[in-house]
Each structure stands twice: as structure tokens, then as C-alpha cells.
Amino acid sequence: MPYVNIRITREGATVEQKAALVRGATQLLVDVLGKNPQTTVVVIDEVETDNWGIGGETVTVRRKRGQ
């Protein structure tokens, strides 16, 4: 049973976009590895930008600076 975990920042991914991610990740495992889509699990974790750091700074700080 494949398990896929997708982590994105919580800032406006729509229900439709998340559904497309689930479908796309599932289909990729079917196409590349021949996995059964009925037993493929996809989980999307949405993380606040204050809890996601890059280069010693939070994403919130970096985005305020325009990076």
C-alpha cells in the first residue's frame, strides 16, 4: 500500500487544487510503478508559514521581504 505525504504551506490551496494533487500523485504511482489506486494513500499536510523555515528564517519573514 503506497503512502504519499505532500506538505505545502497553508496559504490558499483550494479544495479543487488539493483534489488534483491527490489524483495526480495516485495516477503517477499507477503509471510509474503499476500500483493499485484503490490501496494508494495520499495525505496533504498544510503547514503555517511561521512553522516552515528556510535558511534560518521562517517563510513568513522571507515572504515579507519578497523572497
PDB file of N, CA and C in Angstrom:
ATOM      1  N   MET A   1       0.839  -1.169   0.000  1.00  0.00           N
ATOM      2  CA  MET A   1       0.000   0.000   0.000  1.00  0.00           C
ATOM      3  C   MET A   1       0.891   1.241   0.000  1.00  0.00           C
ATOM      4  N   PRO A   2       0.982   1.945  -1.122  1.00  0.00           N
ATOM      5  CA  PRO A   2       1.794   3.167  -1.171  1.00  0.00           C
ATOM      6  C   PRO A   2       1.193   4.270  -0.308  1.00  0.00           C
ATOM      7  N   TYR A   3       2.083   5.043   0.281  1.00  0.00           N
ATOM      8  CA  TYR A   3       1.691   6.184   1.098  1.00  0.00           C
ATOM      9  C   TYR A   3       2.478   7.385   0.610  1.00  0.00           C
ATOM     10  N   VAL A   4       1.778   8.444   0.228  1.00  0.00           N
ATOM     11  CA  VAL A   4       2.405   9.671  -0.253  1.00  0.00           C
ATOM     12  C   VAL A   4       2.019  10.792   0.700  1.00  0.00           C
ATOM     13  N   ASN A   5       3.025  11.548   1.163  1.00  0.00           N
ATOM     14  CA  ASN A   5       2.763  12.685   2.039  1.00  0.00           C
ATOM     15  C   ASN A   5       3.229  13.948   1.318  1.00  0.00           C
ATOM     16  N   ILE A   6       2.299  14.859   1.082  1.00  0.00           N
ATOM     17  CA  ILE A   6       2.597  16.129   0.428  1.00  0.00           C
ATOM     18  C   ILE A   6       2.479  17.220   1.474  1.00  0.00           C
ATOM     19  N   ARG A   7       3.522  18.029   1.616  1.00  0.00           N
ATOM     20  CA  ARG A   7       3.483  19.142   2.570  1.00  0.00           C
ATOM     21  C   ARG A   7       3.569  20.447   1.799  1.00  0.00           C
ATOM     22  N   ILE A   8       2.601  21.308   2.078  1.00  0.00           N
ATOM     23  CA  ILE A   8       2.568  22.620   1.445  1.00  0.00           C
ATOM     24  C   ILE A   8       2.318  23.661   2.529  1.00  0.00           C
ATOM     25  N   THR A   9       2.663  24.906   2.222  1.00  0.00           N
ATOM     26  CA  THR A   9       2.333  25.957   3.178  1.00  0.00           C
ATOM     27  C   THR A   9       0.847  26.249   3.090  1.00  0.00           C
ATOM     28  N   ARG A  10       0.286  26.604   4.228  1.00  0.00           N
ATOM     29  CA  ARG A  10      -1.150  26.881   4.312  1.00  0.00           C
ATOM     30  C   ARG A  10      -1.377  28.327   3.890  1.00  0.00           C
ATOM     31  N   GLU A  11      -1.716  28.491   2.636  1.00  0.00           N
ATOM     32  CA  GLU A  11      -1.957  29.852   2.159  1.00  0.00           C
ATOM     33  C   GLU A  11      -2.783  29.858   0.888  1.00  0.00           C
ATOM     34  N   GLY A  12      -3.865  29.143   0.919  1.00  0.00           N
ATOM     35  CA  GLY A  12      -4.823  29.326  -0.146  1.00  0.00           C
ATOM     36  C   GLY A  12      -4.942  28.245  -1.203  1.00  0.00           C
ATOM     37  N   ALA A  13      -4.385  27.060  -0.982  1.00  0.00           N
ATOM     38  CA  ALA A  13      -4.658  25.972  -1.929  1.00  0.00           C
ATOM     39  C   ALA A  13      -6.139  25.640  -1.817  1.00  0.00           C
ATOM     40  N   THR A  14      -6.801  25.623  -2.937  1.00  0.00           N
ATOM     41  CA  THR A  14      -8.239  25.363  -2.928  1.00  0.00           C
ATOM     42  C   THR A  14      -8.527  23.877  -2.762  1.00  0.00           C
ATOM     43  N   VAL A  15      -9.767  23.575  -2.439  1.00  0.00           N
ATOM     44  CA  VAL A  15     -10.213  22.183  -2.343  1.00  0.00           C
ATOM     45  C   VAL A  15      -9.973  21.486  -3.682  1.00  0.00           C
ATOM     46  N   GLU A  16     -10.258  22.174  -4.766  1.00  0.00           N
ATOM     47  CA  GLU A  16     -10.070  21.595  -6.101  1.00  0.00           C
ATOM     48  C   GLU A  16      -8.599  21.315  -6.390  1.00  0.00           C
ATOM     49  N   GLN A  17      -7.716  22.226  -6.000  1.00  0.00           N
ATOM     50  CA  GLN A  17      -6.282  22.019  -6.210  1.00  0.00           C
ATOM     51  C   GLN A  17      -5.769  20.834  -5.399  1.00  0.00           C
ATOM     52  N   LYS A  18      -6.231  20.721  -4.171  1.00  0.00           N
ATOM     53  CA  LYS A  18      -5.797  19.589  -3.338  1.00  0.00           C
ATOM     54  C   LYS A  18      -6.326  18.269  -3.896  1.00  0.00           C
ATOM     55  N   ALA A  19      -7.543  18.273  -4.399  1.00  0.00           N
ATOM     56  CA  ALA A  19      -8.090  17.064  -5.025  1.00  0.00           C
ATOM     57  C   ALA A  19      -7.270  16.685  -6.251  1.00  0.00           C
ATOM     58  N   ALA A  20      -6.825  17.682  -7.006  1.00  0.00           N
ATOM     59  CA  ALA A  20      -5.984  17.423  -8.184  1.00  0.00           C
ATOM     60  C   ALA A  20      -4.635  16.832  -7.768  1.00  0.00           C
ATOM     61  N   LEU A  21      -4.075  17.293  -6.655  1.00  0.00           N
ATOM     62  CA  LEU A  21      -2.826  16.719  -6.145  1.00  0.00           C
ATOM     63  C   LEU A  21      -3.014  15.256  -5.775  1.00  0.00           C
ATOM     64  N   VAL A  22      -4.122  14.939  -5.103  1.00  0.00           N
ATOM     65  CA  VAL A  22      -4.399  13.552  -4.718  1.00  0.00           C
ATOM     66  C   VAL A  22      -4.540  12.674  -5.959  1.00  0.00           C
ATOM     67  N   ARG A  23      -5.323  13.134  -6.928  1.00  0.00           N
ATOM     68  CA  ARG A  23      -5.495  12.363  -8.175  1.00  0.00           C
ATOM     69  C   ARG A  23      -4.166  12.197  -8.906  1.00  0.00           C
ATOM     70  N   GLY A  24      -3.413  13.290  -9.013  1.00  0.00           N
ATOM     71  CA  GLY A  24      -2.154  13.253  -9.757  1.00  0.00           C
ATOM     72  C   GLY A  24      -1.115  12.343  -9.119  1.00  0.00           C
ATOM     73  N   ALA A  25      -0.970  12.426  -7.789  1.00  0.00           N
ATOM     74  CA  ALA A  25       0.003  11.567  -7.098  1.00  0.00           C
ATOM     75  C   ALA A  25      -0.392  10.100  -7.228  1.00  0.00           C
ATOM     76  N   THR A  26      -1.680   9.829  -7.100  1.00  0.00           N
ATOM     77  CA  THR A  26      -2.171   8.460  -7.256  1.00  0.00           C
ATOM     78  C   THR A  26      -1.888   7.944  -8.660  1.00  0.00           C
ATOM     79  N   GLN A  27      -2.209   8.751  -9.662  1.00  0.00           N
ATOM     80  CA  GLN A  27      -2.002   8.332 -11.050  1.00  0.00           C
ATOM     81  C   GLN A  27      -0.523   8.128 -11.366  1.00  0.00           C
ATOM     82  N   LEU A  28       0.342   8.953 -10.793  1.00  0.00           N
ATOM     83  CA  LEU A  28       1.783   8.792 -11.003  1.00  0.00           C
ATOM     84  C   LEU A  28       2.260   7.427 -10.510  1.00  0.00           C
ATOM     85  N   LEU A  29       1.775   7.004  -9.348  1.00  0.00           N
ATOM     86  CA  LEU A  29       2.163   5.691  -8.829  1.00  0.00           C
ATOM     87  C   LEU A  29       1.602   4.562  -9.686  1.00  0.00           C
ATOM     88  N   VAL A  30       0.427   4.760 -10.236  1.00  0.00           N
ATOM     89  CA  VAL A  30      -0.145   3.773 -11.156  1.00  0.00           C
ATOM     90  C   VAL A  30       0.719   3.690 -12.411  1.00  0.00           C
ATOM     91  N   ASP A  31       1.028   4.845 -12.999  1.00  0.00           N
ATOM     92  CA  ASP A  31       1.755   4.886 -14.269  1.00  0.00           C
ATOM     93  C   ASP A  31       3.201   4.414 -14.161  1.00  0.00           C
ATOM     94  N   VAL A  32       3.882   4.821 -13.102  1.00  0.00           N
ATOM     95  CA  VAL A  32       5.320   4.531 -12.992  1.00  0.00           C
ATOM     96  C   VAL A  32       5.597   3.176 -12.346  1.00  0.00           C
ATOM     97  N   LEU A  33       4.846   2.858 -11.300  1.00  0.00           N
ATOM     98  CA  LEU A  33       5.138   1.634 -10.548  1.00  0.00           C
ATOM     99  C   LEU A  33       4.070   0.559 -10.661  1.00  0.00           C
ATOM    100  N   GLY A  34       2.992   0.859 -11.378  1.00  0.00           N
ATOM    101  CA  GLY A  34       1.931  -0.128 -11.533  1.00  0.00           C
ATOM    102  C   GLY A  34       1.151  -0.397 -10.259  1.00  0.00           C
ATOM    103  N   LYS A  35       1.103   0.581  -9.357  1.00  0.00           N
ATOM    104  CA  LYS A  35       0.417   0.393  -8.074  1.00  0.00           C
ATOM    105  C   LYS A  35      -1.096   0.463  -8.243  1.00  0.00           C
ATOM    106  N   ASN A  36      -1.781  -0.177  -7.338  1.00  0.00           N
ATOM    107  CA  ASN A  36      -3.236  -0.202  -7.326  1.00  0.00           C
ATOM    108  C   ASN A  36      -3.749   1.117  -6.744  1.00  0.00           C
ATOM    109  N   PRO A  37      -4.516   1.894  -7.505  1.00  0.00           N
ATOM    110  CA  PRO A  37      -5.003   3.170  -6.969  1.00  0.00           C
ATOM    111  C   PRO A  37      -5.941   2.999  -5.779  1.00  0.00           C
ATOM    112  N   GLN A  38      -6.582   1.851  -5.663  1.00  0.00           N
ATOM    113  CA  GLN A  38      -7.518   1.615  -4.563  1.00  0.00           C
ATOM    114  C   GLN A  38      -6.816   1.453  -3.220  1.00  0.00           C
ATOM    115  N   THR A  39      -5.522   1.158  -3.252  1.00  0.00           N
ATOM    116  CA  THR A  39      -4.781   0.990  -1.997  1.00  0.00           C
ATOM    117  C   THR A  39      -3.720   2.066  -1.812  1.00  0.00           C
ATOM    118  N   THR A  40      -3.756   3.100  -2.638  1.00  0.00           N
ATOM    119  CA  THR A  40      -2.794   4.201  -2.551  1.00  0.00           C
ATOM    120  C   THR A  40      -3.359   5.290  -1.651  1.00  0.00           C
ATOM    121  N   VAL A  41      -2.570   5.676  -0.662  1.00  0.00           N
ATOM    122  CA  VAL A  41      -2.975   6.696   0.305  1.00  0.00           C
ATOM    123  C   VAL A  41      -2.182   7.967   0.035  1.00  0.00           C
ATOM    124  N   VAL A  42      -2.881   9.101  -0.053  1.00  0.00           N
ATOM    125  CA  VAL A  42      -2.230  10.397  -0.228  1.00  0.00           C
ATOM    126  C   VAL A  42      -2.722  11.316   0.886  1.00  0.00           C
ATOM    127  N   VAL A  43      -1.774  11.910   1.609  1.00  0.00           N
ATOM    128  CA  VAL A  43      -2.095  12.825   2.698  1.00  0.00           C
ATOM    129  C   VAL A  43      -1.467  14.172   2.389  1.00  0.00           C
ATOM    130  N   ILE A  44      -2.241  15.235   2.526  1.00  0.00           N
ATOM    131  CA  ILE A  44      -1.725  16.593   2.334  1.00  0.00           C
ATOM    132  C   ILE A  44      -1.685  17.274   3.696  1.00  0.00           C
ATOM    133  N   ASP A  45      -0.488  17.683   4.101  1.00  0.00           N
ATOM    134  CA  ASP A  45      -0.314  18.444   5.336  1.00  0.00           C
ATOM    135  C   ASP A  45      -0.106  19.903   4.954  1.00  0.00           C
ATOM    136  N   GLU A  46      -0.901  20.780   5.552  1.00  0.00           N
ATOM    137  CA  GLU A  46      -0.743  22.212   5.332  1.00  0.00           C
ATOM    138  C   GLU A  46      -0.070  22.822   6.556  1.00  0.00           C
ATOM    139  N   VAL A  47       1.055  23.475   6.339  1.00  0.00           N
ATOM    140  CA  VAL A  47       1.878  23.998   7.417  1.00  0.00           C
ATOM    141  C   VAL A  47       1.828  25.529   7.393  1.00  0.00           C
ATOM    142  N   GLU A  48       1.623  26.128   8.554  1.00  0.00           N
ATOM    143  CA  GLU A  48       1.658  27.586   8.651  1.00  0.00           C
ATOM    144  C   GLU A  48       3.054  28.083   8.267  1.00  0.00           C
ATOM    145  N   THR A  49       3.117  29.224   7.594  1.00  0.00           N
ATOM    146  CA  THR A  49       4.411  29.744   7.146  1.00  0.00           C
ATOM    147  C   THR A  49       5.320  30.113   8.323  1.00  0.00           C
ATOM    148  N   ASP A  50       4.750  30.365   9.511  1.00  0.00           N
ATOM    149  CA  ASP A  50       5.576  30.602  10.706  1.00  0.00           C
ATOM    150  C   ASP A  50       6.271  29.330  11.172  1.00  0.00           C
ATOM    151  N   ASN A  51       5.783  28.167  10.726  1.00  0.00           N
ATOM    152  CA  ASN A  51       6.333  26.875  11.148  1.00  0.00           C
ATOM    153  C   ASN A  51       7.177  26.213  10.069  1.00  0.00           C
ATOM    154  N   TRP A  52       7.524  26.952   9.025  1.00  0.00           N
ATOM    155  CA  TRP A  52       8.306  26.405   7.912  1.00  0.00           C
ATOM    156  C   TRP A  52       9.512  27.315   7.730  1.00  0.00           C
ATOM    157  N   GLY A  53      10.696  26.774   7.897  1.00  0.00           N
ATOM    158  CA  GLY A  53      11.900  27.596   7.815  1.00  0.00           C
ATOM    159  C   GLY A  53      12.798  27.205   6.665  1.00  0.00           C
ATOM    160  N   ILE A  54      13.440  28.212   6.096  1.00  0.00           N
ATOM    161  CA  ILE A  54      14.425  28.025   5.032  1.00  0.00           C
ATOM    162  C   ILE A  54      15.601  28.949   5.337  1.00  0.00           C
ATOM    163  N   GLY A  55      16.798  28.419   5.339  1.00  0.00           N
ATOM    164  CA  GLY A  55      17.992  29.246   5.547  1.00  0.00           C
ATOM    165  C   GLY A  55      17.993  30.009   6.858  1.00  0.00           C
ATOM    166  N   GLY A  56      17.410  29.420   7.905  1.00  0.00           N
ATOM    167  CA  GLY A  56      17.427  30.055   9.217  1.00  0.00           C
ATOM    168  C   GLY A  56      16.325  31.073   9.443  1.00  0.00           C
ATOM    169  N   GLU A  57      15.394  31.187   8.512  1.00  0.00           N
ATOM    170  CA  GLU A  57      14.288  32.139   8.641  1.00  0.00           C
ATOM    171  C   GLU A  57      12.970  31.441   8.333  1.00  0.00           C
ATOM    172  N   THR A  58      11.904  31.980   8.907  1.00  0.00           N
ATOM    173  CA  THR A  58      10.599  31.424   8.560  1.00  0.00           C
ATOM    174  C   THR A  58      10.186  31.915   7.178  1.00  0.00           C
ATOM    175  N   VAL A  59       9.303  31.157   6.568  1.00  0.00           N
ATOM    176  CA  VAL A  59       8.773  31.550   5.265  1.00  0.00           C
ATOM    177  C   VAL A  59       8.020  32.871   5.387  1.00  0.00           C
ATOM    178  N   THR A  60       7.371  33.098   6.525  1.00  0.00           N
ATOM    179  CA  THR A  60       6.655  34.361   6.742  1.00  0.00           C
ATOM    180  C   THR A  60       7.607  35.547   6.584  1.00  0.00           C
ATOM    181  N   VAL A  61       8.750  35.484   7.228  1.00  0.00           N
ATOM    182  CA  VAL A  61       9.744  36.570   7.169  1.00  0.00           C
ATOM    183  C   VAL A  61      10.266  36.725   5.740  1.00  0.00           C
ATOM    184  N   ARG A  62      10.601  35.624   5.103  1.00  0.00           N
ATOM    185  CA  ARG A  62      11.138  35.677   3.738  1.00  0.00           C
ATOM    186  C   ARG A  62      10.113  36.291   2.769  1.00  0.00           C
ATOM    187  N   ARG A  63       8.861  35.927   2.919  1.00  0.00           N
ATOM    188  CA  ARG A  63       7.829  36.440   2.012  1.00  0.00           C
ATOM    189  C   ARG A  63       7.601  37.933   2.227  1.00  0.00           C
ATOM    190  N   LYS A  64       7.710  38.382   3.453  1.00  0.00           N
ATOM    191  CA  LYS A  64       7.566  39.821   3.737  1.00  0.00           C
ATOM    192  C   LYS A  64       8.667  40.611   3.037  1.00  0.00           C
ATOM    193  N   ARG A  65       9.843  39.998   2.902  1.00  0.00           N
ATOM    194  CA  ARG A  65      10.956  40.630   2.207  1.00  0.00           C
ATOM    195  C   ARG A  65      10.865  40.464   0.701  1.00  0.00           C
ATOM    196  N   GLY A  66       9.932  39.638   0.253  1.00  0.00           N
ATOM    197  CA  GLY A  66       9.776  39.434  -1.194  1.00  0.00           C
ATOM    198  C   GLY A  66      10.578  38.284  -1.767  1.00  0.00           C
ATOM    199  N   GLN A  67      10.993  37.360  -0.915  1.00  0.00           N
ATOM    200  CA  GLN A  67      11.752  36.197  -1.403  1.00  0.00           C
ATOM    201  C   GLN A  67      10.884  34.986  -1.517  1.00  0.00           C
TER     202      GLN A  67
END
